[in-house]
């Protein structure tokens, strides 16, 4: 069963509605330049799925504080997170995702993280560190031969479901849904997410 992560919410009722759609993980973005930045604790936080904190150029103390305050079980690092920093949080019992842009040389960038993270998130190269809504060439991922599993990201939307269903990879662990499933920045379309999950998990159109 593939993991489904929905990322980039802060409205309590929207969080509640998306949770009912059935994702495995829900991501909260702690990057101030993001239009989905979470500045304060939402009035409701998910109880039925794991909470993911998304950090860009993470600072150790800030991550520790957010993990405690928001009850995070998963951390996702973009930017300058070193293998040692990733390993530190993995040793603390957190699930660690390292986001990497899929460039021509991305495979070489994965090697130093082997054994120090739980998942990669392969995304579209962008100065915004995700949430661009743009898709990259998924065929480049066939160059990746593991051993760390990864989440597919970058321009996933209801319109790309057929392509998503036909993309196969030995180390594909799940899907990261963000801007392609929004009605506005930080507001997700819960019905579209529920439909996506139904199709992915059950094959129902």
N, C-alpha and C. Protein backbone atom coordinates (compact mmCIF):
# COMPACT_ATOMS: atom_id res chain seq x y z
N UNK A 1 0.84 -1.19 0.00
CA UNK A 1 0.00 0.00 0.00
C UNK A 1 0.88 1.25 0.00
N UNK A 2 0.69 2.13 -0.96
CA UNK A 2 1.49 3.34 -1.06
C UNK A 2 1.05 4.38 -0.03
N UNK A 3 2.05 5.08 0.53
CA UNK A 3 1.79 6.17 1.46
C UNK A 3 1.23 7.38 0.72
N UNK A 4 0.33 8.08 1.37
CA UNK A 4 -0.20 9.34 0.83
C UNK A 4 0.10 10.44 1.85
N UNK A 5 0.84 11.45 1.41
CA UNK A 5 1.13 12.62 2.26
C UNK A 5 0.49 13.84 1.63
N UNK A 6 -0.28 14.57 2.41
CA UNK A 6 -0.86 15.84 1.98
C UNK A 6 -0.14 16.94 2.74
N UNK A 7 0.39 17.91 2.02
CA UNK A 7 1.27 18.89 2.63
C UNK A 7 0.75 20.32 2.40
N UNK A 8 0.88 21.15 3.44
CA UNK A 8 0.65 22.57 3.25
C UNK A 8 -0.72 23.07 3.68
N UNK A 9 -1.12 22.79 4.92
CA UNK A 9 -2.39 23.29 5.45
C UNK A 9 -2.16 24.03 6.76
N UNK A 10 -3.15 24.86 7.12
CA UNK A 10 -3.09 25.54 8.42
C UNK A 10 -4.48 25.88 8.96
N UNK A 11 -5.52 25.73 8.13
CA UNK A 11 -6.89 26.01 8.56
C UNK A 11 -7.47 24.79 9.26
N UNK A 12 -8.01 24.98 10.47
CA UNK A 12 -8.45 23.87 11.30
C UNK A 12 -9.52 23.01 10.62
N UNK A 13 -10.52 23.64 10.03
CA UNK A 13 -11.60 22.87 9.41
C UNK A 13 -11.12 22.14 8.16
N UNK A 14 -10.20 22.77 7.44
CA UNK A 14 -9.63 22.11 6.27
C UNK A 14 -8.77 20.91 6.68
N UNK A 15 -8.02 21.07 7.75
CA UNK A 15 -7.23 19.95 8.28
C UNK A 15 -8.15 18.79 8.65
N UNK A 16 -9.24 19.11 9.32
CA UNK A 16 -10.19 18.08 9.73
C UNK A 16 -10.80 17.36 8.52
N UNK A 17 -11.16 18.14 7.50
CA UNK A 17 -11.77 17.55 6.30
C UNK A 17 -10.78 16.67 5.55
N UNK A 18 -9.55 17.13 5.43
CA UNK A 18 -8.53 16.35 4.73
C UNK A 18 -8.22 15.07 5.50
N UNK A 19 -8.18 15.16 6.81
CA UNK A 19 -7.93 13.97 7.62
C UNK A 19 -8.97 12.90 7.34
N UNK A 20 -10.22 13.32 7.18
CA UNK A 20 -11.30 12.37 6.90
C UNK A 20 -11.14 11.72 5.52
N UNK A 21 -10.38 12.36 4.64
CA UNK A 21 -10.14 11.78 3.31
C UNK A 21 -9.21 10.57 3.38
N UNK A 22 -8.45 10.45 4.47
CA UNK A 22 -7.68 9.24 4.69
C UNK A 22 -6.21 9.22 4.34
N UNK A 23 -5.50 10.37 4.33
CA UNK A 23 -4.06 10.30 4.06
C UNK A 23 -3.32 9.65 5.24
N UNK A 24 -2.11 9.19 4.97
CA UNK A 24 -1.29 8.60 6.02
C UNK A 24 -0.55 9.66 6.82
N UNK A 25 -0.11 10.71 6.12
CA UNK A 25 0.67 11.78 6.73
C UNK A 25 0.10 13.13 6.32
N UNK A 26 0.24 14.12 7.20
CA UNK A 26 -0.18 15.47 6.89
C UNK A 26 0.96 16.42 7.23
N UNK A 27 1.35 17.26 6.27
CA UNK A 27 2.52 18.10 6.43
C UNK A 27 2.21 19.54 6.76
N UNK A 28 3.02 20.12 7.67
CA UNK A 28 2.89 21.50 8.09
C UNK A 28 4.20 22.22 7.80
N UNK A 29 4.11 23.32 7.08
CA UNK A 29 5.30 23.98 6.53
C UNK A 29 5.77 25.10 7.45
N UNK A 30 7.01 24.97 7.92
CA UNK A 30 7.61 25.96 8.81
C UNK A 30 8.69 26.75 8.08
N UNK A 31 8.35 27.22 6.90
CA UNK A 31 9.26 28.03 6.08
C UNK A 31 8.56 29.35 5.82
N UNK A 32 9.10 30.42 6.38
CA UNK A 32 8.39 31.69 6.41
C UNK A 32 8.10 32.27 5.03
N UNK A 33 8.87 31.91 4.03
CA UNK A 33 8.65 32.45 2.70
C UNK A 33 7.59 31.68 1.91
N UNK A 34 7.07 30.62 2.48
CA UNK A 34 6.04 29.83 1.79
C UNK A 34 4.66 30.45 2.02
N UNK A 35 3.80 30.45 0.99
CA UNK A 35 2.42 30.91 1.19
C UNK A 35 1.62 29.96 2.07
N UNK A 36 2.19 28.82 2.40
CA UNK A 36 1.54 27.83 3.26
C UNK A 36 2.19 27.77 4.65
N UNK A 37 2.93 28.80 4.97
CA UNK A 37 3.65 28.85 6.25
C UNK A 37 2.69 28.79 7.43
N UNK A 38 3.03 27.95 8.41
CA UNK A 38 2.24 27.82 9.63
C UNK A 38 2.92 28.66 10.71
N UNK A 39 2.32 29.80 11.03
CA UNK A 39 2.92 30.72 12.00
C UNK A 39 2.53 30.38 13.43
N UNK A 40 1.39 29.70 13.59
CA UNK A 40 0.94 29.35 14.93
C UNK A 40 0.18 28.04 14.88
N UNK A 41 -0.01 27.44 16.04
CA UNK A 41 -0.69 26.15 16.11
C UNK A 41 -2.13 26.26 15.62
N UNK A 42 -2.53 25.47 14.61
CA UNK A 42 -3.93 25.46 14.20
C UNK A 42 -4.83 25.01 15.36
N UNK A 43 -6.08 25.44 15.33
CA UNK A 43 -7.02 25.08 16.40
C UNK A 43 -7.31 23.59 16.43
N UNK A 44 -7.06 22.92 15.30
CA UNK A 44 -7.20 21.46 15.26
C UNK A 44 -5.98 20.88 14.56
N UNK A 45 -5.43 19.83 15.14
CA UNK A 45 -4.34 19.09 14.52
C UNK A 45 -4.77 17.65 14.32
N UNK A 46 -4.29 17.00 13.27
CA UNK A 46 -4.77 15.64 12.96
C UNK A 46 -4.47 14.63 14.06
N UNK A 47 -5.40 13.74 14.27
CA UNK A 47 -5.27 12.69 15.27
C UNK A 47 -5.12 11.31 14.64
N UNK A 48 -5.57 11.17 13.39
CA UNK A 48 -5.62 9.86 12.75
C UNK A 48 -4.48 9.62 11.76
N UNK A 49 -3.68 10.62 11.50
CA UNK A 49 -2.53 10.44 10.60
C UNK A 49 -1.31 11.11 11.22
N UNK A 50 -0.15 10.74 10.75
CA UNK A 50 1.08 11.27 11.31
C UNK A 50 1.29 12.72 10.88
N UNK A 51 1.87 13.49 11.80
CA UNK A 51 2.14 14.91 11.56
C UNK A 51 3.58 15.09 11.08
N UNK A 52 3.71 15.78 9.96
CA UNK A 52 5.02 16.00 9.34
C UNK A 52 5.37 17.48 9.44
N UNK A 53 6.56 17.79 9.91
CA UNK A 53 7.06 19.16 9.89
C UNK A 53 8.00 19.35 8.72
N UNK A 54 7.74 20.37 7.91
CA UNK A 54 8.55 20.64 6.72
C UNK A 54 9.44 21.85 7.00
N UNK A 55 10.76 21.66 6.87
CA UNK A 55 11.73 22.69 7.21
C UNK A 55 12.68 22.94 6.04
N UNK A 56 13.02 24.20 5.82
CA UNK A 56 14.01 24.60 4.81
C UNK A 56 15.22 25.18 5.53
N UNK A 57 16.42 24.71 5.16
CA UNK A 57 17.65 25.10 5.85
C UNK A 57 17.44 24.96 7.37
N UNK A 58 17.11 23.77 7.85
CA UNK A 58 16.69 23.61 9.24
C UNK A 58 17.78 23.95 10.25
N UNK A 59 17.35 24.59 11.32
CA UNK A 59 18.21 24.86 12.47
C UNK A 59 17.82 23.87 13.57
N UNK A 60 18.81 23.24 14.17
CA UNK A 60 18.56 22.15 15.10
C UNK A 60 17.56 22.53 16.19
N UNK A 61 17.79 23.64 16.86
CA UNK A 61 16.94 24.02 17.99
C UNK A 61 15.51 24.30 17.53
N UNK A 62 15.36 24.93 16.38
CA UNK A 62 14.01 25.23 15.87
C UNK A 62 13.25 23.94 15.58
N UNK A 63 13.93 22.96 14.99
CA UNK A 63 13.28 21.69 14.70
C UNK A 63 12.85 21.01 15.99
N UNK A 64 13.74 20.97 16.96
CA UNK A 64 13.42 20.35 18.25
C UNK A 64 12.20 21.00 18.88
N UNK A 65 12.15 22.33 18.84
CA UNK A 65 11.03 23.06 19.44
C UNK A 65 9.71 22.76 18.71
N UNK A 66 9.76 22.72 17.37
CA UNK A 66 8.54 22.46 16.59
C UNK A 66 8.07 21.02 16.78
N UNK A 67 9.00 20.10 16.87
CA UNK A 67 8.63 18.70 17.10
C UNK A 67 7.84 18.58 18.39
N UNK A 68 8.31 19.24 19.43
CA UNK A 68 7.65 19.16 20.74
C UNK A 68 6.31 19.91 20.72
N UNK A 69 6.31 21.12 20.18
CA UNK A 69 5.11 21.96 20.24
C UNK A 69 3.97 21.41 19.39
N UNK A 70 4.29 20.85 18.22
CA UNK A 70 3.26 20.40 17.28
C UNK A 70 3.04 18.88 17.33
N UNK A 71 3.80 18.19 18.17
CA UNK A 71 3.64 16.74 18.26
C UNK A 71 3.99 16.04 16.96
N UNK A 72 5.10 16.45 16.35
CA UNK A 72 5.49 15.88 15.06
C UNK A 72 6.08 14.48 15.22
N UNK A 73 5.75 13.61 14.27
CA UNK A 73 6.35 12.28 14.23
C UNK A 73 7.32 12.12 13.06
N UNK A 74 7.21 13.04 12.10
CA UNK A 74 8.02 12.99 10.88
C UNK A 74 8.58 14.38 10.62
N UNK A 75 9.84 14.45 10.16
CA UNK A 75 10.41 15.73 9.73
C UNK A 75 10.87 15.59 8.28
N UNK A 76 10.64 16.66 7.53
CA UNK A 76 11.04 16.70 6.11
C UNK A 76 11.96 17.89 5.92
N UNK A 77 13.17 17.62 5.42
CA UNK A 77 14.19 18.65 5.31
C UNK A 77 14.48 19.00 3.86
N UNK A 78 14.48 20.31 3.58
CA UNK A 78 14.89 20.86 2.29
C UNK A 78 16.12 21.73 2.51
N UNK A 79 16.85 21.97 1.43
CA UNK A 79 17.96 22.93 1.52
C UNK A 79 19.23 22.31 2.05
N UNK A 80 19.72 22.86 3.17
CA UNK A 80 21.09 22.57 3.61
C UNK A 80 21.19 21.48 4.68
N UNK A 81 20.16 20.71 4.90
CA UNK A 81 20.22 19.67 5.95
C UNK A 81 21.28 18.63 5.61
N UNK A 82 22.26 18.50 6.48
CA UNK A 82 23.36 17.56 6.25
C UNK A 82 22.94 16.14 6.59
N UNK A 83 23.67 15.15 6.10
CA UNK A 83 23.40 13.76 6.50
C UNK A 83 23.46 13.58 8.01
N UNK A 84 24.42 14.24 8.67
CA UNK A 84 24.55 14.09 10.12
C UNK A 84 23.34 14.66 10.85
N UNK A 85 22.83 15.81 10.39
CA UNK A 85 21.64 16.37 11.02
C UNK A 85 20.46 15.42 10.85
N UNK A 86 20.29 14.91 9.64
CA UNK A 86 19.21 13.96 9.39
C UNK A 86 19.32 12.75 10.32
N UNK A 87 20.54 12.24 10.46
CA UNK A 87 20.76 11.06 11.29
C UNK A 87 20.47 11.35 12.76
N UNK A 88 20.78 12.56 13.20
CA UNK A 88 20.51 12.94 14.59
C UNK A 88 19.03 12.81 14.92
N UNK A 89 18.18 13.29 14.01
CA UNK A 89 16.74 13.21 14.27
C UNK A 89 16.21 11.80 14.06
N UNK A 90 16.81 11.06 13.16
CA UNK A 90 16.43 9.66 13.00
C UNK A 90 16.75 8.87 14.27
N UNK A 91 17.89 9.15 14.88
CA UNK A 91 18.27 8.46 16.11
C UNK A 91 17.36 8.85 17.28
N UNK A 92 16.69 9.99 17.17
CA UNK A 92 15.74 10.42 18.20
C UNK A 92 14.37 9.77 18.02
N UNK A 93 14.24 8.92 17.03
CA UNK A 93 13.01 8.18 16.84
C UNK A 93 12.04 8.78 15.85
N UNK A 94 12.44 9.87 15.18
CA UNK A 94 11.59 10.49 14.18
C UNK A 94 11.80 9.84 12.82
N UNK A 95 10.77 9.82 12.02
CA UNK A 95 10.91 9.44 10.62
C UNK A 95 11.45 10.65 9.87
N UNK A 96 12.49 10.46 9.07
CA UNK A 96 13.16 11.58 8.40
C UNK A 96 13.03 11.45 6.88
N UNK A 97 12.54 12.52 6.28
CA UNK A 97 12.43 12.63 4.82
C UNK A 97 13.42 13.69 4.36
N UNK A 98 14.23 13.35 3.37
CA UNK A 98 15.14 14.35 2.78
C UNK A 98 14.65 14.68 1.38
N UNK A 99 14.25 15.93 1.17
CA UNK A 99 13.79 16.36 -0.14
C UNK A 99 14.97 16.75 -1.01
N UNK A 100 14.96 16.28 -2.24
CA UNK A 100 16.01 16.62 -3.20
C UNK A 100 15.38 16.98 -4.54
N UNK A 101 15.87 18.04 -5.19
CA UNK A 101 15.39 18.36 -6.53
C UNK A 101 15.97 17.37 -7.54
N UNK A 102 15.16 17.02 -8.51
CA UNK A 102 15.61 16.06 -9.52
C UNK A 102 16.31 16.81 -10.65
N UNK A 103 17.62 16.91 -10.51
CA UNK A 103 18.48 17.50 -11.52
C UNK A 103 19.19 16.37 -12.26
N UNK A 104 20.02 16.72 -13.20
CA UNK A 104 20.76 15.70 -13.94
C UNK A 104 21.69 14.90 -13.02
N UNK A 105 22.09 15.50 -11.90
CA UNK A 105 23.06 14.84 -11.02
C UNK A 105 22.44 14.37 -9.70
N UNK A 106 21.10 14.26 -9.65
CA UNK A 106 20.47 14.02 -8.36
C UNK A 106 20.87 12.67 -7.75
N UNK A 107 21.15 11.67 -8.56
CA UNK A 107 21.48 10.35 -8.03
C UNK A 107 22.74 10.43 -7.16
N UNK A 108 23.73 11.17 -7.61
CA UNK A 108 24.96 11.31 -6.82
C UNK A 108 24.68 11.98 -5.48
N UNK A 109 23.68 12.86 -5.45
CA UNK A 109 23.36 13.57 -4.21
C UNK A 109 22.72 12.66 -3.17
N UNK A 110 22.19 11.52 -3.59
CA UNK A 110 21.50 10.64 -2.65
C UNK A 110 22.46 9.78 -1.83
N UNK A 111 23.65 9.52 -2.36
CA UNK A 111 24.52 8.50 -1.77
C UNK A 111 24.86 8.77 -0.32
N UNK A 112 25.17 10.03 0.03
CA UNK A 112 25.65 10.32 1.39
C UNK A 112 24.56 10.21 2.44
N UNK A 113 23.31 10.09 2.02
CA UNK A 113 22.21 9.99 2.99
C UNK A 113 21.80 8.54 3.28
N UNK A 114 22.42 7.59 2.60
CA UNK A 114 22.07 6.19 2.81
C UNK A 114 22.25 5.80 4.28
N UNK A 115 21.19 5.24 4.87
CA UNK A 115 21.22 4.82 6.25
C UNK A 115 20.95 5.92 7.26
N UNK A 116 20.88 7.17 6.80
CA UNK A 116 20.70 8.30 7.71
C UNK A 116 19.30 8.91 7.62
N UNK A 117 18.49 8.45 6.68
CA UNK A 117 17.12 8.93 6.52
C UNK A 117 16.22 7.73 6.26
N UNK A 118 14.91 7.99 6.28
CA UNK A 118 13.94 6.93 6.00
C UNK A 118 13.39 6.99 4.58
N UNK A 119 13.25 8.22 4.05
CA UNK A 119 12.70 8.41 2.71
C UNK A 119 13.35 9.61 2.05
N UNK A 120 13.45 9.54 0.73
CA UNK A 120 13.68 10.74 -0.07
C UNK A 120 12.34 11.25 -0.56
N UNK A 121 12.28 12.54 -0.83
CA UNK A 121 11.17 13.12 -1.58
C UNK A 121 11.78 13.78 -2.80
N UNK A 122 11.50 13.24 -3.96
CA UNK A 122 12.07 13.77 -5.20
C UNK A 122 11.09 14.76 -5.81
N UNK A 123 11.57 16.00 -5.98
CA UNK A 123 10.67 17.10 -6.35
C UNK A 123 11.23 17.89 -7.52
N UNK A 124 10.39 18.77 -8.04
CA UNK A 124 10.78 19.65 -9.14
C UNK A 124 11.78 20.70 -8.65
N UNK A 125 12.89 20.92 -9.37
CA UNK A 125 13.82 21.98 -8.97
C UNK A 125 13.12 23.34 -8.98
N UNK A 126 13.20 24.06 -7.88
CA UNK A 126 12.59 25.39 -7.78
C UNK A 126 13.25 26.16 -6.66
N UNK A 127 13.35 27.47 -6.81
CA UNK A 127 13.91 28.31 -5.75
C UNK A 127 12.98 28.39 -4.55
N UNK A 128 11.73 27.94 -4.71
CA UNK A 128 10.74 28.02 -3.63
C UNK A 128 10.79 26.81 -2.71
N UNK A 129 11.64 25.84 -3.02
CA UNK A 129 11.76 24.63 -2.19
C UNK A 129 10.44 23.87 -2.09
N UNK A 130 9.81 23.63 -3.23
CA UNK A 130 8.58 22.85 -3.27
C UNK A 130 7.36 23.72 -3.47
N UNK A 131 6.22 23.03 -3.73
CA UNK A 131 4.97 23.74 -3.91
C UNK A 131 4.86 24.53 -5.19
N UNK A 132 5.73 24.21 -6.17
CA UNK A 132 5.72 24.97 -7.42
C UNK A 132 4.55 24.60 -8.32
N UNK A 133 4.01 23.39 -8.14
CA UNK A 133 2.94 22.93 -9.02
C UNK A 133 3.44 22.47 -10.38
N UNK A 134 4.76 22.47 -10.56
CA UNK A 134 5.33 22.08 -11.85
C UNK A 134 5.86 20.65 -11.79
N UNK A 135 5.71 19.96 -12.89
CA UNK A 135 6.17 18.58 -12.97
C UNK A 135 7.53 18.51 -13.68
N UNK A 136 8.35 17.58 -13.25
CA UNK A 136 9.62 17.34 -13.91
C UNK A 136 9.51 16.02 -14.70
N UNK A 137 10.58 15.63 -15.34
CA UNK A 137 10.60 14.41 -16.14
C UNK A 137 10.76 13.20 -15.22
N UNK A 138 9.67 12.52 -14.95
CA UNK A 138 9.71 11.37 -14.04
C UNK A 138 10.61 10.25 -14.56
N UNK A 139 10.87 10.23 -15.84
CA UNK A 139 11.74 9.17 -16.39
C UNK A 139 13.15 9.24 -15.79
N UNK A 140 13.55 10.45 -15.33
CA UNK A 140 14.87 10.58 -14.71
C UNK A 140 14.98 9.72 -13.46
N UNK A 141 13.87 9.42 -12.82
CA UNK A 141 13.90 8.64 -11.58
C UNK A 141 14.33 7.20 -11.81
N UNK A 142 14.26 6.74 -13.06
CA UNK A 142 14.71 5.37 -13.34
C UNK A 142 16.22 5.23 -13.15
N UNK A 143 16.93 6.35 -13.08
CA UNK A 143 18.37 6.30 -12.82
C UNK A 143 18.65 5.96 -11.35
N UNK A 144 17.66 6.16 -10.51
CA UNK A 144 17.84 5.92 -9.08
C UNK A 144 17.63 4.45 -8.79
N UNK A 145 18.61 3.83 -8.11
CA UNK A 145 18.55 2.39 -7.85
C UNK A 145 18.54 2.05 -6.36
N UNK A 146 18.19 3.04 -5.52
CA UNK A 146 18.00 2.76 -4.10
C UNK A 146 19.30 2.85 -3.30
N UNK A 147 19.21 2.37 -2.04
CA UNK A 147 18.20 1.51 -1.45
C UNK A 147 17.11 2.22 -0.65
N UNK A 148 17.19 3.56 -0.51
CA UNK A 148 16.22 4.29 0.31
C UNK A 148 14.93 4.52 -0.49
N UNK A 149 13.76 4.18 0.05
CA UNK A 149 12.51 4.42 -0.67
C UNK A 149 12.24 5.92 -0.83
N UNK A 150 11.36 6.26 -1.76
CA UNK A 150 11.09 7.68 -2.01
C UNK A 150 9.61 7.95 -2.24
N UNK A 151 9.26 9.22 -2.03
CA UNK A 151 7.92 9.72 -2.34
C UNK A 151 8.01 10.50 -3.65
N UNK A 152 7.01 10.32 -4.49
CA UNK A 152 6.92 11.06 -5.75
C UNK A 152 6.24 12.39 -5.49
N UNK A 153 6.84 13.47 -5.96
CA UNK A 153 6.30 14.81 -5.77
C UNK A 153 6.54 15.61 -7.05
N UNK A 154 5.95 16.81 -7.08
CA UNK A 154 6.19 17.70 -8.21
C UNK A 154 5.06 17.69 -9.23
N UNK A 155 4.08 18.57 -9.02
CA UNK A 155 3.01 18.74 -9.99
C UNK A 155 1.95 17.67 -9.98
N UNK A 156 1.86 16.87 -8.93
CA UNK A 156 0.80 15.86 -8.87
C UNK A 156 -0.54 16.58 -8.72
N UNK A 157 -1.54 16.11 -9.46
CA UNK A 157 -2.86 16.73 -9.46
C UNK A 157 -3.90 15.71 -9.88
N UNK A 158 -5.20 16.02 -9.73
CA UNK A 158 -6.22 15.09 -10.21
C UNK A 158 -6.09 14.79 -11.71
N UNK A 159 -5.56 15.74 -12.47
CA UNK A 159 -5.41 15.54 -13.91
C UNK A 159 -4.27 14.59 -14.27
N UNK A 160 -3.39 14.32 -13.32
CA UNK A 160 -2.25 13.46 -13.62
C UNK A 160 -2.41 12.06 -13.04
N UNK A 161 -3.61 11.70 -12.61
CA UNK A 161 -3.80 10.41 -11.95
C UNK A 161 -3.42 9.24 -12.86
N UNK A 162 -3.80 9.30 -14.12
CA UNK A 162 -3.46 8.19 -15.02
C UNK A 162 -1.96 8.02 -15.16
N UNK A 163 -1.22 9.14 -15.26
CA UNK A 163 0.24 9.06 -15.33
C UNK A 163 0.81 8.52 -14.03
N UNK A 164 0.24 8.94 -12.92
CA UNK A 164 0.70 8.47 -11.61
C UNK A 164 0.51 6.96 -11.50
N UNK A 165 -0.64 6.48 -11.95
CA UNK A 165 -0.93 5.05 -11.85
C UNK A 165 0.01 4.20 -12.70
N UNK A 166 0.47 4.75 -13.81
CA UNK A 166 1.32 3.97 -14.71
C UNK A 166 2.80 4.10 -14.39
N UNK A 167 3.16 5.05 -13.50
CA UNK A 167 4.58 5.19 -13.13
C UNK A 167 4.95 4.09 -12.14
N UNK A 168 5.95 3.33 -12.49
CA UNK A 168 6.40 2.22 -11.64
C UNK A 168 7.87 2.38 -11.29
N UNK A 169 8.20 2.06 -10.07
CA UNK A 169 9.59 2.07 -9.64
C UNK A 169 9.71 1.18 -8.40
N UNK A 170 10.76 0.40 -8.35
CA UNK A 170 10.96 -0.53 -7.23
C UNK A 170 10.94 0.16 -5.88
N UNK A 171 11.46 1.39 -5.80
CA UNK A 171 11.59 2.08 -4.52
C UNK A 171 10.55 3.17 -4.30
N UNK A 172 9.53 3.22 -5.15
CA UNK A 172 8.43 4.17 -4.96
C UNK A 172 7.61 3.76 -3.74
N UNK A 173 7.57 4.63 -2.71
CA UNK A 173 6.87 4.31 -1.47
C UNK A 173 5.54 5.05 -1.33
N UNK A 174 5.37 6.16 -2.07
CA UNK A 174 4.14 6.91 -1.92
C UNK A 174 4.16 8.22 -2.69
N UNK A 175 3.18 9.06 -2.38
CA UNK A 175 2.93 10.28 -3.15
C UNK A 175 2.76 11.48 -2.23
N UNK A 176 3.29 12.61 -2.67
CA UNK A 176 3.20 13.85 -1.92
C UNK A 176 2.26 14.80 -2.66
N UNK A 177 1.13 15.15 -2.04
CA UNK A 177 0.13 16.01 -2.67
C UNK A 177 0.21 17.39 -2.04
N UNK A 178 0.26 18.41 -2.92
CA UNK A 178 0.33 19.77 -2.40
C UNK A 178 -0.49 20.70 -3.28
N UNK A 179 0.15 21.58 -4.02
CA UNK A 179 -0.55 22.68 -4.70
C UNK A 179 -1.54 22.20 -5.76
N UNK A 180 -1.30 21.04 -6.36
CA UNK A 180 -2.20 20.52 -7.38
C UNK A 180 -3.55 20.09 -6.85
N UNK A 181 -3.69 20.03 -5.53
CA UNK A 181 -4.96 19.65 -4.91
C UNK A 181 -5.50 20.79 -4.05
N UNK A 182 -5.23 22.02 -4.46
CA UNK A 182 -5.67 23.18 -3.69
C UNK A 182 -6.78 23.95 -4.40
N UNK A 183 -7.61 24.59 -3.59
CA UNK A 183 -8.57 25.58 -4.10
C UNK A 183 -8.01 26.99 -3.93
N UNK A 184 -7.03 27.13 -3.03
CA UNK A 184 -6.29 28.37 -2.79
C UNK A 184 -5.07 27.96 -1.98
N UNK A 185 -4.02 28.79 -1.94
CA UNK A 185 -2.84 28.41 -1.16
C UNK A 185 -3.20 28.05 0.29
N UNK A 186 -2.76 26.86 0.70
CA UNK A 186 -2.99 26.31 2.04
C UNK A 186 -4.41 25.80 2.27
N UNK A 187 -5.26 25.81 1.23
CA UNK A 187 -6.61 25.26 1.34
C UNK A 187 -6.74 24.09 0.36
N UNK A 188 -6.87 22.88 0.91
CA UNK A 188 -6.89 21.69 0.08
C UNK A 188 -8.32 21.28 -0.28
N UNK A 189 -8.45 20.65 -1.45
CA UNK A 189 -9.71 20.11 -1.92
C UNK A 189 -9.85 18.70 -1.36
N UNK A 190 -10.56 18.57 -0.24
CA UNK A 190 -10.64 17.29 0.45
C UNK A 190 -11.31 16.22 -0.41
N UNK A 191 -12.31 16.61 -1.20
CA UNK A 191 -13.00 15.64 -2.05
C UNK A 191 -12.06 15.09 -3.12
N UNK A 192 -11.25 15.95 -3.71
CA UNK A 192 -10.29 15.51 -4.72
C UNK A 192 -9.24 14.60 -4.11
N UNK A 193 -8.83 14.89 -2.89
CA UNK A 193 -7.85 14.04 -2.21
C UNK A 193 -8.46 12.68 -1.90
N UNK A 194 -9.69 12.67 -1.41
CA UNK A 194 -10.37 11.40 -1.12
C UNK A 194 -10.50 10.55 -2.38
N UNK A 195 -10.82 11.19 -3.50
CA UNK A 195 -10.94 10.47 -4.76
C UNK A 195 -9.59 9.90 -5.20
N UNK A 196 -8.54 10.69 -5.05
CA UNK A 196 -7.19 10.24 -5.40
C UNK A 196 -6.81 9.01 -4.57
N UNK A 197 -7.05 9.09 -3.26
CA UNK A 197 -6.70 7.98 -2.39
C UNK A 197 -7.50 6.73 -2.75
N UNK A 198 -8.76 6.89 -3.07
CA UNK A 198 -9.60 5.76 -3.47
C UNK A 198 -9.06 5.09 -4.73
N UNK A 199 -8.66 5.90 -5.68
CA UNK A 199 -8.13 5.36 -6.94
C UNK A 199 -6.80 4.64 -6.71
N UNK A 200 -5.91 5.26 -5.97
CA UNK A 200 -4.58 4.69 -5.73
C UNK A 200 -4.68 3.40 -4.92
N UNK A 201 -5.50 3.41 -3.88
CA UNK A 201 -5.57 2.25 -2.99
C UNK A 201 -6.49 1.15 -3.52
N UNK A 202 -7.55 1.55 -4.19
CA UNK A 202 -8.56 0.57 -4.59
C UNK A 202 -8.73 0.40 -6.08
N UNK A 203 -8.11 1.28 -6.86
CA UNK A 203 -8.23 1.20 -8.31
C UNK A 203 -9.57 1.65 -8.84
N UNK A 204 -10.35 2.37 -8.02
CA UNK A 204 -11.68 2.79 -8.43
C UNK A 204 -11.63 4.15 -9.11
N UNK A 205 -12.28 4.25 -10.25
CA UNK A 205 -12.37 5.53 -10.98
C UNK A 205 -13.68 6.23 -10.59
